Amino acid sequence: EIFLKAASLLQVPIAECMVAEDSINGLK
């Protein structure tokens, strides 16, 4: 949810976003 919401706010398709994460929960 949190990444989908962030991409929506940026108005960038989620497939064109890179997520930078360090945790297993975040990567999942």
mmCIF file of all heavy atoms, coordinates in Angstrom:
data_MODEL
# 
_entry.id   MODEL 
# 
loop_
_atom_site.group_PDB 
_atom_site.id 
_atom_site.type_symbol 
_atom_site.label_atom_id 
_atom_site.label_alt_id 
_atom_site.label_comp_id 
_atom_site.label_asym_id 
_atom_site.label_entity_id 
_atom_site.label_seq_id 
_atom_site.pdbx_PDB_ins_code 
_atom_site.Cartn_x 
_atom_site.Cartn_y 
_atom_site.Cartn_z 
_atom_site.occupancy 
_atom_site.B_iso_or_equiv 
_atom_site.pdbx_formal_charge 
_atom_site.auth_seq_id 
_atom_site.auth_comp_id 
_atom_site.auth_asym_id 
_atom_site.auth_atom_id 
_atom_site.pdbx_PDB_model_num 
ATOM 1   N N   . GLU A 1 1  ? 0.804  -1.227  0.000   1.00 0.00 ? 1  GLU A N   1 
ATOM 2   C CA  . GLU A 1 1  ? 0.000  0.000   0.000   1.00 0.00 ? 1  GLU A CA  1 
ATOM 3   C C   . GLU A 1 1  ? 0.838  1.278   0.000   1.00 0.00 ? 1  GLU A C   1 
ATOM 4   O O   . GLU A 1 1  ? 0.572  2.214   -0.759  1.00 0.00 ? 1  GLU A O   1 
ATOM 5   C CB  . GLU A 1 1  ? -0.935 0.019   1.210   1.00 0.00 ? 1  GLU A CB  1 
ATOM 6   C CG  . GLU A 1 1  ? -1.799 1.270   1.295   1.00 0.00 ? 1  GLU A CG  1 
ATOM 7   C CD  . GLU A 1 1  ? -2.667 1.330   2.532   1.00 0.00 ? 1  GLU A CD  1 
ATOM 8   O OE1 . GLU A 1 1  ? -2.726 0.342   3.296   1.00 0.00 ? 1  GLU A OE1 1 
ATOM 9   O OE2 . GLU A 1 1  ? -3.295 2.396   2.751   1.00 0.00 ? 1  GLU A OE2 1 
ATOM 10  N N   . ILE A 1 2  ? 1.863  1.336   0.832   1.00 0.00 ? 2  ILE A N   1 
ATOM 11  C CA  . ILE A 1 2  ? 2.616  2.577   0.983   1.00 0.00 ? 2  ILE A CA  1 
ATOM 12  C C   . ILE A 1 2  ? 3.335  2.969   -0.312  1.00 0.00 ? 2  ILE A C   1 
ATOM 13  O O   . ILE A 1 2  ? 3.394  4.151   -0.675  1.00 0.00 ? 2  ILE A O   1 
ATOM 14  C CB  . ILE A 1 2  ? 3.609  2.470   2.164   1.00 0.00 ? 2  ILE A CB  1 
ATOM 15  C CG1 . ILE A 1 2  ? 4.106  3.860   2.577   1.00 0.00 ? 2  ILE A CG1 1 
ATOM 16  C CG2 . ILE A 1 2  ? 4.768  1.514   1.847   1.00 0.00 ? 2  ILE A CG2 1 
ATOM 17  C CD1 . ILE A 1 2  ? 4.805  3.873   3.927   1.00 0.00 ? 2  ILE A CD1 1 
ATOM 18  N N   . PHE A 1 3  ? 3.847  1.985   -1.054  1.00 0.00 ? 3  PHE A N   1 
ATOM 19  C CA  . PHE A 1 3  ? 4.539  2.286   -2.304  1.00 0.00 ? 3  PHE A CA  1 
ATOM 20  C C   . PHE A 1 3  ? 3.563  2.641   -3.418  1.00 0.00 ? 3  PHE A C   1 
ATOM 21  O O   . PHE A 1 3  ? 3.835  3.523   -4.237  1.00 0.00 ? 3  PHE A O   1 
ATOM 22  C CB  . PHE A 1 3  ? 5.427  1.120   -2.716  1.00 0.00 ? 3  PHE A CB  1 
ATOM 23  C CG  . PHE A 1 3  ? 6.594  0.893   -1.797  1.00 0.00 ? 3  PHE A CG  1 
ATOM 24  C CD1 . PHE A 1 3  ? 6.855  -0.366  -1.274  1.00 0.00 ? 3  PHE A CD1 1 
ATOM 25  C CD2 . PHE A 1 3  ? 7.428  1.938   -1.434  1.00 0.00 ? 3  PHE A CD2 1 
ATOM 26  C CE1 . PHE A 1 3  ? 7.925  -0.573  -0.413  1.00 0.00 ? 3  PHE A CE1 1 
ATOM 27  C CE2 . PHE A 1 3  ? 8.501  1.748   -0.571  1.00 0.00 ? 3  PHE A CE2 1 
ATOM 28  C CZ  . PHE A 1 3  ? 8.742  0.485   -0.062  1.00 0.00 ? 3  PHE A CZ  1 
ATOM 29  N N   . LEU A 1 4  ? 2.435  1.981   -3.442  1.00 0.00 ? 4  LEU A N   1 
ATOM 30  C CA  . LEU A 1 4  ? 1.412  2.305   -4.443  1.00 0.00 ? 4  LEU A CA  1 
ATOM 31  C C   . LEU A 1 4  ? 0.886  3.721   -4.228  1.00 0.00 ? 4  LEU A C   1 
ATOM 32  O O   . LEU A 1 4  ? 0.661  4.469   -5.183  1.00 0.00 ? 4  LEU A O   1 
ATOM 33  C CB  . LEU A 1 4  ? 0.270  1.293   -4.370  1.00 0.00 ? 4  LEU A CB  1 
ATOM 34  C CG  . LEU A 1 4  ? 0.635  -0.129  -4.794  1.00 0.00 ? 4  LEU A CG  1 
ATOM 35  C CD1 . LEU A 1 4  ? -0.500 -1.096  -4.470  1.00 0.00 ? 4  LEU A CD1 1 
ATOM 36  C CD2 . LEU A 1 4  ? 0.970  -0.180  -6.283  1.00 0.00 ? 4  LEU A CD2 1 
ATOM 37  N N   . LYS A 1 5  ? 0.717  4.093   -2.973  1.00 0.00 ? 5  LYS A N   1 
ATOM 38  C CA  . LYS A 1 5  ? 0.239  5.439   -2.659  1.00 0.00 ? 5  LYS A CA  1 
ATOM 39  C C   . LYS A 1 5  ? 1.282  6.485   -3.031  1.00 0.00 ? 5  LYS A C   1 
ATOM 40  O O   . LYS A 1 5  ? 0.951  7.544   -3.577  1.00 0.00 ? 5  LYS A O   1 
ATOM 41  C CB  . LYS A 1 5  ? -0.099 5.537   -1.171  1.00 0.00 ? 5  LYS A CB  1 
ATOM 42  C CG  . LYS A 1 5  ? -0.829 6.811   -0.771  1.00 0.00 ? 5  LYS A CG  1 
ATOM 43  C CD  . LYS A 1 5  ? -1.319 6.737   0.671   1.00 0.00 ? 5  LYS A CD  1 
ATOM 44  C CE  . LYS A 1 5  ? -2.085 8.010   1.047   1.00 0.00 ? 5  LYS A CE  1 
ATOM 45  N NZ  . LYS A 1 5  ? -2.591 7.922   2.456   1.00 0.00 ? 5  LYS A NZ  1 
ATOM 46  N N   . ALA A 1 6  ? 2.557  6.204   -2.758  1.00 0.00 ? 6  ALA A N   1 
ATOM 47  C CA  . ALA A 1 6  ? 3.632  7.139   -3.095  1.00 0.00 ? 6  ALA A CA  1 
ATOM 48  C C   . ALA A 1 6  ? 3.727  7.352   -4.604  1.00 0.00 ? 6  ALA A C   1 
ATOM 49  O O   . ALA A 1 6  ? 3.870  8.479   -5.080  1.00 0.00 ? 6  ALA A O   1 
ATOM 50  C CB  . ALA A 1 6  ? 4.961  6.630   -2.543  1.00 0.00 ? 6  ALA A CB  1 
ATOM 51  N N   . ALA A 1 7  ? 3.646  6.260   -5.365  1.00 0.00 ? 7  ALA A N   1 
ATOM 52  C CA  . ALA A 1 7  ? 3.697  6.368   -6.827  1.00 0.00 ? 7  ALA A CA  1 
ATOM 53  C C   . ALA A 1 7  ? 2.516  7.173   -7.353  1.00 0.00 ? 7  ALA A C   1 
ATOM 54  O O   . ALA A 1 7  ? 2.659  7.983   -8.279  1.00 0.00 ? 7  ALA A O   1 
ATOM 55  C CB  . ALA A 1 7  ? 3.709  4.972   -7.451  1.00 0.00 ? 7  ALA A CB  1 
ATOM 56  N N   . SER A 1 8  ? 1.357  6.965   -6.755  1.00 0.00 ? 8  SER A N   1 
ATOM 57  C CA  . SER A 1 8  ? 0.163  7.703   -7.160  1.00 0.00 ? 8  SER A CA  1 
ATOM 58  C C   . SER A 1 8  ? 0.330  9.192   -6.920  1.00 0.00 ? 8  SER A C   1 
ATOM 59  O O   . SER A 1 8  ? -0.042 10.023  -7.761  1.00 0.00 ? 8  SER A O   1 
ATOM 60  C CB  . SER A 1 8  ? -1.057 7.177   -6.399  1.00 0.00 ? 8  SER A CB  1 
ATOM 61  O OG  . SER A 1 8  ? -2.212 7.917   -6.726  1.00 0.00 ? 8  SER A OG  1 
ATOM 62  N N   . LEU A 1 9  ? 0.901  9.558   -5.772  1.00 0.00 ? 9  LEU A N   1 
ATOM 63  C CA  . LEU A 1 9  ? 1.139  10.973  -5.465  1.00 0.00 ? 9  LEU A CA  1 
ATOM 64  C C   . LEU A 1 9  ? 2.107  11.610  -6.459  1.00 0.00 ? 9  LEU A C   1 
ATOM 65  O O   . LEU A 1 9  ? 1.978  12.780  -6.814  1.00 0.00 ? 9  LEU A O   1 
ATOM 66  C CB  . LEU A 1 9  ? 1.672  11.121  -4.036  1.00 0.00 ? 9  LEU A CB  1 
ATOM 67  C CG  . LEU A 1 9  ? 0.680  10.831  -2.908  1.00 0.00 ? 9  LEU A CG  1 
ATOM 68  C CD1 . LEU A 1 9  ? 1.395  10.866  -1.553  1.00 0.00 ? 9  LEU A CD1 1 
ATOM 69  C CD2 . LEU A 1 9  ? -0.462 11.851  -2.909  1.00 0.00 ? 9  LEU A CD2 1 
ATOM 70  N N   . LEU A 1 10 ? 3.089  10.820  -6.902  1.00 0.00 ? 10 LEU A N   1 
ATOM 71  C CA  . LEU A 1 10 ? 4.055  11.323  -7.888  1.00 0.00 ? 10 LEU A CA  1 
ATOM 72  C C   . LEU A 1 10 ? 3.475  11.340  -9.296  1.00 0.00 ? 10 LEU A C   1 
ATOM 73  O O   . LEU A 1 10 ? 4.049  11.951  -10.197 1.00 0.00 ? 10 LEU A O   1 
ATOM 74  C CB  . LEU A 1 10 ? 5.309  10.454  -7.881  1.00 0.00 ? 10 LEU A CB  1 
ATOM 75  C CG  . LEU A 1 10 ? 6.220  10.520  -6.661  1.00 0.00 ? 10 LEU A CG  1 
ATOM 76  C CD1 . LEU A 1 10 ? 7.361  9.524   -6.818  1.00 0.00 ? 10 LEU A CD1 1 
ATOM 77  C CD2 . LEU A 1 10 ? 6.765  11.928  -6.446  1.00 0.00 ? 10 LEU A CD2 1 
ATOM 78  N N   . GLN A 1 11 ? 2.372  10.614  -9.484  1.00 0.00 ? 11 GLN A N   1 
ATOM 79  C CA  . GLN A 1 11 ? 1.748  10.436  -10.803 1.00 0.00 ? 11 GLN A CA  1 
ATOM 80  C C   . GLN A 1 11 ? 2.724  9.752   -11.770 1.00 0.00 ? 11 GLN A C   1 
ATOM 81  O O   . GLN A 1 11 ? 2.849  10.126  -12.942 1.00 0.00 ? 11 GLN A O   1 
ATOM 82  C CB  . GLN A 1 11 ? 1.263  11.779  -11.368 1.00 0.00 ? 11 GLN A CB  1 
ATOM 83  C CG  . GLN A 1 11 ? 0.175  12.423  -10.515 1.00 0.00 ? 11 GLN A CG  1 
ATOM 84  C CD  . GLN A 1 11 ? -0.390 13.684  -11.126 1.00 0.00 ? 11 GLN A CD  1 
ATOM 85  O OE1 . GLN A 1 11 ? 0.350  14.515  -11.660 1.00 0.00 ? 11 GLN A OE1 1 
ATOM 86  N NE2 . GLN A 1 11 ? -1.699 13.842  -11.056 1.00 0.00 ? 11 GLN A NE2 1 
ATOM 87  N N   . VAL A 1 12 ? 3.395  8.741   -11.242 1.00 0.00 ? 12 VAL A N   1 
ATOM 88  C CA  . VAL A 1 12 ? 4.305  7.910   -12.028 1.00 0.00 ? 12 VAL A CA  1 
ATOM 89  C C   . VAL A 1 12 ? 3.835  6.459   -11.905 1.00 0.00 ? 12 VAL A C   1 
ATOM 90  O O   . VAL A 1 12 ? 3.587  5.991   -10.790 1.00 0.00 ? 12 VAL A O   1 
ATOM 91  C CB  . VAL A 1 12 ? 5.758  8.030   -11.520 1.00 0.00 ? 12 VAL A CB  1 
ATOM 92  C CG1 . VAL A 1 12 ? 6.684  7.079   -12.286 1.00 0.00 ? 12 VAL A CG1 1 
ATOM 93  C CG2 . VAL A 1 12 ? 6.259  9.461   -11.646 1.00 0.00 ? 12 VAL A CG2 1 
ATOM 94  N N   . PRO A 1 13 ? 3.686  5.728   -13.013 1.00 0.00 ? 13 PRO A N   1 
ATOM 95  C CA  . PRO A 1 13 ? 3.291  4.316   -12.922 1.00 0.00 ? 13 PRO A CA  1 
ATOM 96  C C   . PRO A 1 13 ? 4.253  3.546   -12.021 1.00 0.00 ? 13 PRO A C   1 
ATOM 97  O O   . PRO A 1 13 ? 5.477  3.753   -12.084 1.00 0.00 ? 13 PRO A O   1 
ATOM 98  C CB  . PRO A 1 13 ? 3.368  3.826   -14.367 1.00 0.00 ? 13 PRO A CB  1 
ATOM 99  C CG  . PRO A 1 13 ? 3.194  5.070   -15.196 1.00 0.00 ? 13 PRO A CG  1 
ATOM 100 C CD  . PRO A 1 13 ? 3.863  6.163   -14.426 1.00 0.00 ? 13 PRO A CD  1 
ATOM 101 N N   . ILE A 1 14 ? 3.720  2.668   -11.187 1.00 0.00 ? 14 ILE A N   1 
ATOM 102 C CA  . ILE A 1 14 ? 4.564  1.958   -10.228 1.00 0.00 ? 14 ILE A CA  1 
ATOM 103 C C   . ILE A 1 14 ? 5.665  1.153   -10.922 1.00 0.00 ? 14 ILE A C   1 
ATOM 104 O O   . ILE A 1 14 ? 6.770  1.008   -10.386 1.00 0.00 ? 14 ILE A O   1 
ATOM 105 C CB  . ILE A 1 14 ? 3.709  1.042   -9.320  1.00 0.00 ? 14 ILE A CB  1 
ATOM 106 C CG1 . ILE A 1 14 ? 4.539  0.491   -8.155  1.00 0.00 ? 14 ILE A CG1 1 
ATOM 107 C CG2 . ILE A 1 14 ? 3.064  -0.072  -10.128 1.00 0.00 ? 14 ILE A CG2 1 
ATOM 108 C CD1 . ILE A 1 14 ? 5.009  1.525   -7.166  1.00 0.00 ? 14 ILE A CD1 1 
ATOM 109 N N   . ALA A 1 15 ? 5.405  0.661   -12.123 1.00 0.00 ? 15 ALA A N   1 
ATOM 110 C CA  . ALA A 1 15 ? 6.414  -0.117  -12.850 1.00 0.00 ? 15 ALA A CA  1 
ATOM 111 C C   . ALA A 1 15 ? 7.606  0.732   -13.270 1.00 0.00 ? 15 ALA A C   1 
ATOM 112 O O   . ALA A 1 15 ? 8.668  0.193   -13.602 1.00 0.00 ? 15 ALA A O   1 
ATOM 113 C CB  . ALA A 1 15 ? 5.788  -0.773  -14.073 1.00 0.00 ? 15 ALA A CB  1 
ATOM 114 N N   . GLU A 1 16 ? 7.451  2.057   -13.253 1.00 0.00 ? 16 GLU A N   1 
ATOM 115 C CA  . GLU A 1 16 ? 8.533  2.974   -13.609 1.00 0.00 ? 16 GLU A CA  1 
ATOM 116 C C   . GLU A 1 16 ? 9.169  3.601   -12.368 1.00 0.00 ? 16 GLU A C   1 
ATOM 117 O O   . GLU A 1 16 ? 9.910  4.576   -12.466 1.00 0.00 ? 16 GLU A O   1 
ATOM 118 C CB  . GLU A 1 16 ? 8.005  4.046   -14.558 1.00 0.00 ? 16 GLU A CB  1 
ATOM 119 C CG  . GLU A 1 16 ? 7.530  3.463   -15.887 1.00 0.00 ? 16 GLU A CG  1 
ATOM 120 C CD  . GLU A 1 16 ? 6.925  4.495   -16.825 1.00 0.00 ? 16 GLU A CD  1 
ATOM 121 O OE1 . GLU A 1 16 ? 6.784  5.675   -16.419 1.00 0.00 ? 16 GLU A OE1 1 
ATOM 122 O OE2 . GLU A 1 16 ? 6.592  4.135   -17.965 1.00 0.00 ? 16 GLU A OE2 1 
ATOM 123 N N   . CYS A 1 17 ? 8.862  3.023   -11.202 1.00 0.00 ? 17 CYS A N   1 
ATOM 124 C CA  . CYS A 1 17 ? 9.455  3.478   -9.949  1.00 0.00 ? 17 CYS A CA  1 
ATOM 125 C C   . CYS A 1 17 ? 10.453 2.441   -9.437  1.00 0.00 ? 17 CYS A C   1 
ATOM 126 O O   . CYS A 1 17 ? 10.204 1.242   -9.525  1.00 0.00 ? 17 CYS A O   1 
ATOM 127 C CB  . CYS A 1 17 ? 8.375  3.673   -8.881  1.00 0.00 ? 17 CYS A CB  1 
ATOM 128 S SG  . CYS A 1 17 ? 7.163  4.958   -9.231  1.00 0.00 ? 17 CYS A SG  1 
ATOM 129 N N   . MET A 1 18 ? 11.565 2.917   -8.900  1.00 0.00 ? 18 MET A N   1 
ATOM 130 C CA  . MET A 1 18 ? 12.487 2.036   -8.206  1.00 0.00 ? 18 MET A CA  1 
ATOM 131 C C   . MET A 1 18 ? 12.349 2.264   -6.713  1.00 0.00 ? 18 MET A C   1 
ATOM 132 O O   . MET A 1 18 ? 12.365 3.409   -6.246  1.00 0.00 ? 18 MET A O   1 
ATOM 133 C CB  . MET A 1 18 ? 13.940 2.302   -8.622  1.00 0.00 ? 18 MET A CB  1 
ATOM 134 C CG  . MET A 1 18 ? 14.927 1.333   -7.970  1.00 0.00 ? 18 MET A CG  1 
ATOM 135 S SD  . MET A 1 18 ? 16.652 1.592   -8.470  1.00 0.00 ? 18 MET A SD  1 
ATOM 136 C CE  . MET A 1 18 ? 17.112 2.961   -7.393  1.00 0.00 ? 18 MET A CE  1 
ATOM 137 N N   . VAL A 1 19 ? 12.185 1.183   -5.972  1.00 0.00 ? 19 VAL A N   1 
ATOM 138 C CA  . VAL A 1 19 ? 12.114 1.253   -4.522  1.00 0.00 ? 19 VAL A CA  1 
ATOM 139 C C   . VAL A 1 19 ? 13.490 0.955   -3.946  1.00 0.00 ? 19 VAL A C   1 
ATOM 140 O O   . VAL A 1 19 ? 14.102 -0.073  -4.281  1.00 0.00 ? 19 VAL A O   1 
ATOM 141 C CB  . VAL A 1 19 ? 11.083 0.256   -3.970  1.00 0.00 ? 19 VAL A CB  1 
ATOM 142 C CG1 . VAL A 1 19 ? 11.226 0.124   -2.459  1.00 0.00 ? 19 VAL A CG1 1 
ATOM 143 C CG2 . VAL A 1 19 ? 9.668  0.697   -4.333  1.00 0.00 ? 19 VAL A CG2 1 
ATOM 144 N N   . ALA A 1 20 ? 13.996 1.843   -3.092  1.00 0.00 ? 20 ALA A N   1 
ATOM 145 C CA  . ALA A 1 20 ? 15.268 1.633   -2.398  1.00 0.00 ? 20 ALA A CA  1 
ATOM 146 C C   . ALA A 1 20 ? 14.955 1.198   -0.973  1.00 0.00 ? 20 ALA A C   1 
ATOM 147 O O   . ALA A 1 20 ? 14.385 1.961   -0.199  1.00 0.00 ? 20 ALA A O   1 
ATOM 148 C CB  . ALA A 1 20 ? 16.103 2.909   -2.407  1.00 0.00 ? 20 ALA A CB  1 
ATOM 149 N N   . GLU A 1 21 ? 15.318 -0.029  -0.635  1.00 0.00 ? 21 GLU A N   1 
ATOM 150 C CA  . GLU A 1 21 ? 14.947 -0.622  0.647   1.00 0.00 ? 21 GLU A CA  1 
ATOM 151 C C   . GLU A 1 21 ? 16.106 -1.393  1.266   1.00 0.00 ? 21 GLU A C   1 
ATOM 152 O O   . GLU A 1 21 ? 17.007 -1.848  0.561   1.00 0.00 ? 21 GLU A O   1 
ATOM 153 C CB  . GLU A 1 21 ? 13.768 -1.591  0.467   1.00 0.00 ? 21 GLU A CB  1 
ATOM 154 C CG  . GLU A 1 21 ? 12.406 -0.998  0.718   1.00 0.00 ? 21 GLU A CG  1 
ATOM 155 C CD  . GLU A 1 21 ? 12.118 -0.768  2.210   1.00 0.00 ? 21 GLU A CD  1 
ATOM 156 O OE1 . GLU A 1 21 ? 12.978 -1.107  3.054   1.00 0.00 ? 21 GLU A OE1 1 
ATOM 157 O OE2 . GLU A 1 21 ? 11.035 -0.248  2.517   1.00 0.00 ? 21 GLU A OE2 1 
ATOM 158 N N   . ASP A 1 22 ? 16.049 -1.538  2.597   1.00 0.00 ? 22 ASP A N   1 
ATOM 159 C CA  . ASP A 1 22 ? 17.062 -2.333  3.293   1.00 0.00 ? 22 ASP A CA  1 
ATOM 160 C C   . ASP A 1 22 ? 16.456 -3.500  4.051   1.00 0.00 ? 22 ASP A C   1 
ATOM 161 O O   . ASP A 1 22 ? 17.165 -4.424  4.441   1.00 0.00 ? 22 ASP A O   1 
ATOM 162 C CB  . ASP A 1 22 ? 17.842 -1.460  4.277   1.00 0.00 ? 22 ASP A CB  1 
ATOM 163 C CG  . ASP A 1 22 ? 16.962 -0.946  5.410   1.00 0.00 ? 22 ASP A CG  1 
ATOM 164 O OD1 . ASP A 1 22 ? 15.989 -0.223  5.133   1.00 0.00 ? 22 ASP A OD1 1 
ATOM 165 O OD2 . ASP A 1 22 ? 17.245 -1.263  6.577   1.00 0.00 ? 22 ASP A OD2 1 
ATOM 166 N N   . SER A 1 23 ? 15.144 -3.477  4.284   1.00 0.00 ? 23 SER A N   1 
ATOM 167 C CA  . SER A 1 23 ? 14.511 -4.515  5.102   1.00 0.00 ? 23 SER A CA  1 
ATOM 168 C C   . SER A 1 23 ? 13.801 -5.552  4.245   1.00 0.00 ? 23 SER A C   1 
ATOM 169 O O   . SER A 1 23 ? 13.372 -5.274  3.120   1.00 0.00 ? 23 SER A O   1 
ATOM 170 C CB  . SER A 1 23 ? 13.507 -3.895  6.075   1.00 0.00 ? 23 SER A CB  1 
ATOM 171 O OG  . SER A 1 23 ? 12.344 -3.457  5.387   1.00 0.00 ? 23 SER A OG  1 
ATOM 172 N N   . ILE A 1 24 ? 13.631 -6.742  4.801   1.00 0.00 ? 24 ILE A N   1 
ATOM 173 C CA  . ILE A 1 24 ? 12.905 -7.801  4.102   1.00 0.00 ? 24 ILE A CA  1 
ATOM 174 C C   . ILE A 1 24 ? 11.442 -7.408  3.921   1.00 0.00 ? 24 ILE A C   1 
ATOM 175 O O   . ILE A 1 24 ? 10.858 -7.619  2.851   1.00 0.00 ? 24 ILE A O   1 
ATOM 176 C CB  . ILE A 1 24 ? 13.040 -9.132  4.869   1.00 0.00 ? 24 ILE A CB  1 
ATOM 177 C CG1 . ILE A 1 24 ? 14.503 -9.598  4.856   1.00 0.00 ? 24 ILE A CG1 1 
ATOM 178 C CG2 . ILE A 1 24 ? 12.150 -10.205 4.252   1.00 0.00 ? 24 ILE A CG2 1 
ATOM 179 C CD1 . ILE A 1 24 ? 14.782 -10.812 5.712   1.00 0.00 ? 24 ILE A CD1 1 
ATOM 180 N N   . ASN A 1 25 ? 10.841 -6.819  4.956   1.00 0.00 ? 25 ASN A N   1 
ATOM 181 C CA  . ASN A 1 25 ? 9.456  -6.367  4.841   1.00 0.00 ? 25 ASN A CA  1 
ATOM 182 C C   . ASN A 1 25 ? 9.296  -5.357  3.712   1.00 0.00 ? 25 ASN A C   1 
ATOM 183 O O   . ASN A 1 25 ? 8.340  -5.407  2.935   1.00 0.00 ? 25 ASN A O   1 
ATOM 184 C CB  . ASN A 1 25 ? 8.987  -5.750  6.161   1.00 0.00 ? 25 ASN A CB  1 
ATOM 185 C CG  . ASN A 1 25 ? 8.712  -6.796  7.227   1.00 0.00 ? 25 ASN A CG  1 
ATOM 186 O OD1 . ASN A 1 25 ? 8.159  -7.849  6.947   1.00 0.00 ? 25 ASN A OD1 1 
ATOM 187 N ND2 . ASN A 1 25 ? 9.097  -6.497  8.457   1.00 0.00 ? 25 ASN A ND2 1 
ATOM 188 N N   . GLY A 1 26 ? 10.240 -4.433  3.619   1.00 0.00 ? 26 GLY A N   1 
ATOM 189 C CA  . GLY A 1 26 ? 10.180 -3.419  2.576   1.00 0.00 ? 26 GLY A CA  1 
ATOM 190 C C   . GLY A 1 26 ? 10.354 -3.995  1.188   1.00 0.00 ? 26 GLY A C   1 
ATOM 191 O O   . GLY A 1 26 ? 9.683  -3.586  0.234   1.00 0.00 ? 26 GLY A O   1 
ATOM 192 N N   . LEU A 1 27 ? 11.267 -4.948  1.059   1.00 0.00 ? 27 LEU A N   1 
ATOM 193 C CA  . LEU A 1 27 ? 11.499 -5.579  -0.242  1.00 0.00 ? 27 LEU A CA  1 
ATOM 194 C C   . LEU A 1 27 ? 10.306 -6.416  -0.688  1.00 0.00 ? 27 LEU A C   1 
ATOM 195 O O   . LEU A 1 27 ? 9.948  -6.433  -1.861  1.00 0.00 ? 27 LEU A O   1 
ATOM 196 C CB  . LEU A 1 27 ? 12.767 -6.434  -0.181  1.00 0.00 ? 27 LEU A CB  1 
ATOM 197 C CG  . LEU A 1 27 ? 14.070 -5.646  -0.067  1.00 0.00 ? 27 LEU A CG  1 
ATOM 198 C CD1 . LEU A 1 27 ? 15.205 -6.548  0.379   1.00 0.00 ? 27 LEU A CD1 1 
ATOM 199 C CD2 . LEU A 1 27 ? 14.411 -4.947  -1.373  1.00 0.00 ? 27 LEU A CD2 1 
ATOM 200 N N   . LYS A 1 28 ? 9.661  -7.082  0.260   1.00 0.00 ? 28 LYS A N   1 
ATOM 201 C CA  . LYS A 1 28 ? 8.443  -7.832  -0.072  1.00 0.00 ? 28 LYS A CA  1 
ATOM 202 C C   . LYS A 1 28 ? 7.347  -6.878  -0.555  1.00 0.00 ? 28 LYS A C   1 
ATOM 203 O O   . LYS A 1 28 ? 6.618  -7.175  -1.503  1.00 0.00 ? 28 LYS A O   1 
ATOM 204 C CB  . LYS A 1 28 ? 7.964  -8.614  1.147   1.00 0.00 ? 28 LYS A CB  1 
ATOM 205 C CG  . LYS A 1 28 ? 8.803  -9.835  1.478   1.00 0.00 ? 28 LYS A CG  1 
ATOM 206 C CD  . LYS A 1 28 ? 8.264  -10.549 2.705   1.00 0.00 ? 28 LYS A CD  1 
ATOM 207 C CE  . LYS A 1 28 ? 9.043  -11.819 3.012   1.00 0.00 ? 28 LYS A CE  1 
ATOM 208 N NZ  . LYS A 1 28 ? 8.546  -12.501 4.240   1.00 0.00 ? 28 LYS A NZ  1 
# 
